[in-house]
Amino acid sequence: MALPCYLAMTAAEFAAADVLPAFPAWMACHFSSYGTGLSNLPADLPKKAIIILNDRIPISGHDPTQISQEMCMLYDLYQPDSFLLDFQRPQNPETVELVKALCHTLPCPVGVTECYAQGIDCPVFLSPPPLYVPLAEHLAPWENREVWLEVALDSQTIRLTPEGNQIQNGLLRQPDTPIFQDHTLHCHYHIILEENAASFFLSRKADDLLGLLEEAEAFCVTRAVGLYQQLKNTALQKNTFH
């Protein structure tokens, strides 16, 4: 069975899309900055979508019981396939309490970022593997755990010198040397050699993502999640990569 790739969409993208992706996700629900509940909730949603909750507004002052009730209400209304708790403030005690409550209360799978998944029986939402790290190595700390893998069209530059190496996100220059493809790391790359340095320019394109997801099926990865704005014109939009 093909690994589903859910594409996270804003409210504006949902409204403007002529055709929704095969696996849509409603992104950017967050804790209200004016009350104790949730903001940016969907007004409508196709069944079997994912609803994503983030913590860009700190949880401080919010009642986990009320949040749990609102999430259960969303489930009753839209019957989502699952919820994704995209929390990026590591080990906030109030967030830990909420994560445990939602994983226990909601009647569907709840994915949790690696910041909070340790010791909780839930799928782990894992960041994309760096372009210089094999997928198996990236997944190794979560062996025997169900993984939801974030995917993205990334790029990185690695510069090696006698003093050490530097890694920066993004391509620092346009390629003017031959471009190669690495099927183990699932990326394209080109190299520039200088007298005392070597620079590697790595990028992960749409076809690299297809290979990455095919390999991911051999592990405990059960789905991928990416941004609609990045992936809407790729095969991942229709989940046709098998």
Protein backbone atom coordinates (compact mmCIF):
# COMPACT_ATOMS: atom_id res chain seq x y z
CA MET A 1 0.00 0.00 0.00
CA ALA A 2 1.32 3.44 -0.93
CA LEU A 3 2.55 5.57 1.94
CA PRO A 4 0.08 8.48 2.24
CA CYS A 5 1.51 11.98 2.11
CA TYR A 6 -0.66 14.59 3.85
CA LEU A 7 -0.27 18.16 2.60
CA ALA A 8 -0.73 20.84 5.24
CA MET A 9 -2.87 23.75 4.01
CA THR A 10 -3.86 27.12 5.39
CA ALA A 11 -7.49 28.22 5.47
CA ALA A 12 -6.83 30.41 2.41
CA GLU A 13 -5.33 27.48 0.51
CA PHE A 14 -8.35 25.30 1.32
CA ALA A 15 -10.67 28.04 0.04
CA ALA A 16 -8.69 28.69 -3.15
CA ALA A 17 -7.94 25.09 -4.18
CA ASP A 18 -9.98 23.83 -7.14
CA VAL A 19 -9.13 20.27 -6.15
CA LEU A 20 -7.91 19.24 -2.72
CA PRO A 21 -4.93 16.91 -2.43
CA ALA A 22 -5.66 13.24 -1.84
CA PHE A 23 -4.64 13.64 1.81
CA PRO A 24 -5.24 17.18 3.11
CA ALA A 25 -4.27 18.54 6.53
CA TRP A 26 -5.67 21.65 8.21
CA MET A 27 -2.72 23.56 9.62
CA ALA A 28 -2.22 26.37 12.12
CA CYS A 29 -4.84 25.73 14.77
CA HIS A 30 -3.30 27.34 17.83
CA PHE A 31 -3.96 28.44 21.40
CA SER A 32 -5.94 31.66 21.50
CA SER A 33 -4.08 34.82 22.48
CA TYR A 34 -7.35 36.34 23.75
CA GLY A 35 -9.00 33.52 25.72
CA THR A 36 -8.44 30.02 27.01
CA GLY A 37 -9.49 28.02 23.95
CA LEU A 38 -8.35 27.36 20.40
CA SER A 39 -8.18 29.70 17.40
CA ASN A 40 -8.19 29.18 13.62
CA LEU A 41 -10.48 26.15 13.75
CA PRO A 42 -11.79 24.79 10.43
CA ALA A 43 -15.24 25.91 9.32
CA ASP A 44 -15.50 22.77 7.21
CA LEU A 45 -13.23 19.84 6.51
CA PRO A 46 -13.34 16.70 4.37
CA LYS A 47 -13.42 13.47 6.31
CA LYS A 48 -10.14 11.65 6.85
CA ALA A 49 -8.07 14.84 6.89
CA ILE A 50 -5.53 15.63 9.60
CA ILE A 51 -6.03 18.54 11.99
CA ILE A 52 -2.75 20.14 13.12
CA LEU A 53 -2.40 22.08 16.38
CA ASN A 54 0.73 24.16 17.00
CA ASP A 55 2.08 26.12 19.96
CA ARG A 56 3.21 29.34 18.26
CA ILE A 57 1.08 31.03 20.93
CA PRO A 58 2.37 29.68 24.29
CA ILE A 59 -0.02 27.40 26.15
CA SER A 60 0.44 29.38 29.37
CA GLY A 61 -2.90 30.04 31.08
CA HIS A 62 -4.93 27.62 28.95
CA ASP A 63 -6.98 24.87 30.54
CA PRO A 64 -5.99 21.40 29.21
CA THR A 65 -9.50 20.11 29.99
CA GLN A 66 -11.12 22.79 27.83
CA ILE A 67 -8.63 22.18 25.02
CA SER A 68 -9.38 18.44 25.16
CA GLN A 69 -13.11 19.14 24.97
CA GLU A 70 -12.66 21.39 21.93
CA MET A 71 -10.51 18.77 20.19
CA CYS A 72 -13.15 16.11 20.87
CA MET A 73 -15.76 18.48 19.41
CA LEU A 74 -13.64 18.80 16.26
CA TYR A 75 -13.47 15.04 16.01
CA ASP A 76 -17.25 14.70 16.34
CA LEU A 77 -17.80 17.38 13.68
CA TYR A 78 -15.31 16.30 11.02
CA GLN A 79 -14.21 12.73 11.78
CA PRO A 80 -10.56 13.52 10.99
CA ASP A 81 -8.16 10.69 10.30
CA SER A 82 -5.96 11.92 13.14
CA PHE A 83 -4.56 14.92 14.99
CA LEU A 84 -1.01 16.20 14.83
CA LEU A 85 0.41 18.13 17.80
CA ASP A 86 3.16 20.17 16.16
CA PHE A 87 4.59 21.53 19.42
CA GLN A 88 8.05 23.11 19.25
CA ARG A 89 8.59 24.46 22.79
CA PRO A 90 10.52 21.57 24.34
CA GLN A 91 9.26 20.12 27.61
CA ASN A 92 6.92 22.90 28.66
CA PRO A 93 5.19 21.26 31.70
CA GLU A 94 1.73 22.49 30.68
CA THR A 95 2.24 21.15 27.18
CA VAL A 96 3.33 17.76 28.52
CA GLU A 97 0.11 17.60 30.55
CA LEU A 98 -1.97 18.48 27.47
CA VAL A 99 -0.19 15.96 25.23
CA LYS A 100 -0.87 13.15 27.69
CA ALA A 101 -4.51 14.20 28.07
CA LEU A 102 -5.13 14.38 24.31
CA CYS A 103 -3.43 11.05 23.57
CA HIS A 104 -5.63 9.46 26.25
CA THR A 105 -8.88 11.23 25.33
CA LEU A 106 -9.11 11.54 21.55
CA PRO A 107 -10.67 8.53 19.76
CA CYS A 108 -8.19 8.61 16.85
CA PRO A 109 -4.40 8.54 16.44
CA VAL A 110 -2.52 11.56 17.82
CA GLY A 111 0.94 12.27 16.43
CA VAL A 112 3.37 14.17 18.66
CA THR A 113 6.66 15.89 17.82
CA GLU A 114 9.85 14.28 19.04
CA CYS A 115 10.06 17.05 21.68
CA TYR A 116 7.22 15.39 23.58
CA ALA A 117 6.89 11.81 22.32
CA GLN A 118 9.39 10.21 24.70
CA GLY A 119 7.55 7.96 27.15
CA ILE A 120 4.12 8.53 25.57
CA ASP A 121 2.36 5.79 23.60
CA CYS A 122 1.70 7.66 20.36
CA PRO A 123 3.08 8.09 16.83
CA VAL A 124 6.21 10.26 16.64
CA PHE A 125 6.17 13.21 14.23
CA LEU A 126 9.80 13.30 13.12
CA SER A 127 11.55 16.17 11.36
CA PRO A 128 12.97 15.57 7.86
CA PRO A 129 16.34 13.81 7.78
CA PRO A 130 19.20 16.23 7.14
CA LEU A 131 20.43 15.81 3.60
CA TYR A 132 23.73 14.31 4.77
CA VAL A 133 22.12 11.70 7.10
CA PRO A 134 20.78 8.33 5.84
CA LEU A 135 17.12 7.73 6.62
CA ALA A 136 17.86 4.60 8.67
CA GLU A 137 20.21 6.58 10.92
CA HIS A 138 17.64 9.36 11.31
CA LEU A 139 14.95 6.86 12.35
CA ALA A 140 17.18 4.74 14.60
CA PRO A 141 16.39 6.52 17.93
CA TRP A 142 12.69 5.70 17.38
CA GLU A 143 13.06 2.04 16.51
CA ASN A 144 9.81 0.09 17.04
CA ARG A 145 7.80 3.32 17.26
CA GLU A 146 5.26 4.38 14.64
CA VAL A 147 6.70 7.40 12.82
CA TRP A 148 5.01 10.17 10.85
CA LEU A 149 7.78 11.73 8.78
CA GLU A 150 7.89 15.39 7.82
CA VAL A 151 9.06 15.90 4.24
CA ALA A 152 10.30 19.06 2.57
CA LEU A 153 12.20 20.36 -0.45
CA ASP A 154 15.30 21.23 1.54
CA SER A 155 18.77 22.44 0.64
CA GLN A 156 21.98 22.60 2.64
CA THR A 157 25.58 23.66 2.08
CA ILE A 158 28.48 21.85 3.77
CA ARG A 159 31.93 23.45 3.64
CA LEU A 160 34.93 21.36 4.68
CA THR A 161 38.18 23.08 5.68
CA PRO A 162 41.25 22.07 7.73
CA GLU A 163 39.69 23.93 10.66
CA GLY A 164 36.50 21.85 10.52
CA ASN A 165 33.22 21.83 8.72
CA GLN A 166 30.34 24.30 8.52
CA ILE A 167 26.74 23.37 7.72
CA GLN A 168 24.25 26.00 6.63
CA ASN A 169 20.66 25.66 5.45
CA GLY A 170 20.07 26.80 1.90
CA LEU A 171 22.26 26.81 -1.20
CA LEU A 172 24.91 29.52 -0.99
CA ARG A 173 25.36 29.68 -4.77
CA GLN A 174 23.81 28.38 -7.96
CA PRO A 175 25.42 25.23 -9.36
CA ASP A 176 27.94 25.75 -12.15
CA THR A 177 29.48 22.28 -11.88
CA PRO A 178 28.02 18.85 -12.77
CA ILE A 179 25.05 17.82 -10.60
CA PHE A 180 24.86 14.27 -9.28
CA GLN A 181 22.14 12.30 -7.53
CA ASP A 182 22.71 10.23 -4.40
CA HIS A 183 20.06 7.52 -4.06
CA THR A 184 21.18 6.60 -0.54
CA LEU A 185 20.78 10.10 0.87
CA HIS A 186 17.92 10.91 -1.52
CA CYS A 187 19.37 14.21 -2.68
CA HIS A 188 21.08 15.95 -5.57
CA TYR A 189 24.50 17.50 -5.04
CA HIS A 190 27.38 19.28 -6.66
CA ILE A 191 30.88 19.94 -5.36
CA ILE A 192 33.29 22.85 -5.65
CA LEU A 193 36.94 22.18 -4.79
CA GLU A 194 39.26 24.96 -3.67
CA GLU A 195 42.88 24.89 -2.54
CA ASN A 196 42.08 24.29 1.14
CA ALA A 197 38.36 23.63 1.11
CA ALA A 198 35.58 21.61 -0.45
CA SER A 199 31.97 22.77 -0.60
CA PHE A 200 29.07 20.37 -1.05
CA PHE A 201 25.76 21.83 -2.19
CA LEU A 202 22.91 19.44 -1.39
CA SER A 203 19.26 19.73 -2.40
CA ARG A 204 16.27 17.44 -2.03
CA LYS A 205 13.95 17.68 -5.02
CA ALA A 206 10.52 16.14 -5.61
CA ASP A 207 11.93 12.95 -7.16
CA ASP A 208 14.28 12.57 -4.19
CA LEU A 209 11.26 12.72 -1.87
CA LEU A 210 9.64 9.88 -3.79
CA GLY A 211 12.68 7.70 -3.22
CA LEU A 212 12.83 8.74 0.43
CA LEU A 213 9.20 7.72 1.00
CA GLU A 214 9.66 4.43 -0.80
CA GLU A 215 12.53 3.60 1.57
CA ALA A 216 10.50 4.84 4.56
CA GLU A 217 7.89 2.16 3.92
CA ALA A 218 10.45 -0.46 4.91
CA PHE A 219 10.64 1.08 8.38
CA CYS A 220 7.89 2.03 10.83
CA VAL A 221 6.91 5.16 8.90
CA THR A 222 3.17 5.06 8.25
CA ARG A 223 2.63 8.49 6.67
CA ALA A 224 4.39 11.62 5.51
CA VAL A 225 3.40 15.24 6.14
CA GLY A 226 4.56 18.18 4.03
CA LEU A 227 3.53 21.69 3.08
CA TYR A 228 0.97 22.11 0.31
CA GLN A 229 2.68 25.32 -0.84
CA GLN A 230 5.87 23.33 -1.54
CA LEU A 231 4.46 20.05 -2.85
CA LYS A 232 1.16 20.92 -4.55
CA ASN A 233 2.58 20.51 -8.06
CA THR A 234 4.34 17.20 -7.43
CA ALA A 235 3.24 13.58 -7.51
CA LEU A 236 2.73 13.79 -3.74
CA GLN A 237 -0.35 15.97 -4.36
CA LYS A 238 -2.20 12.93 -5.72
CA ASN A 239 -0.15 10.34 -3.85
CA THR A 240 0.82 8.72 -7.16
CA PHE A 241 4.43 7.89 -6.35
CA HIS A 242 3.83 4.11 -6.46
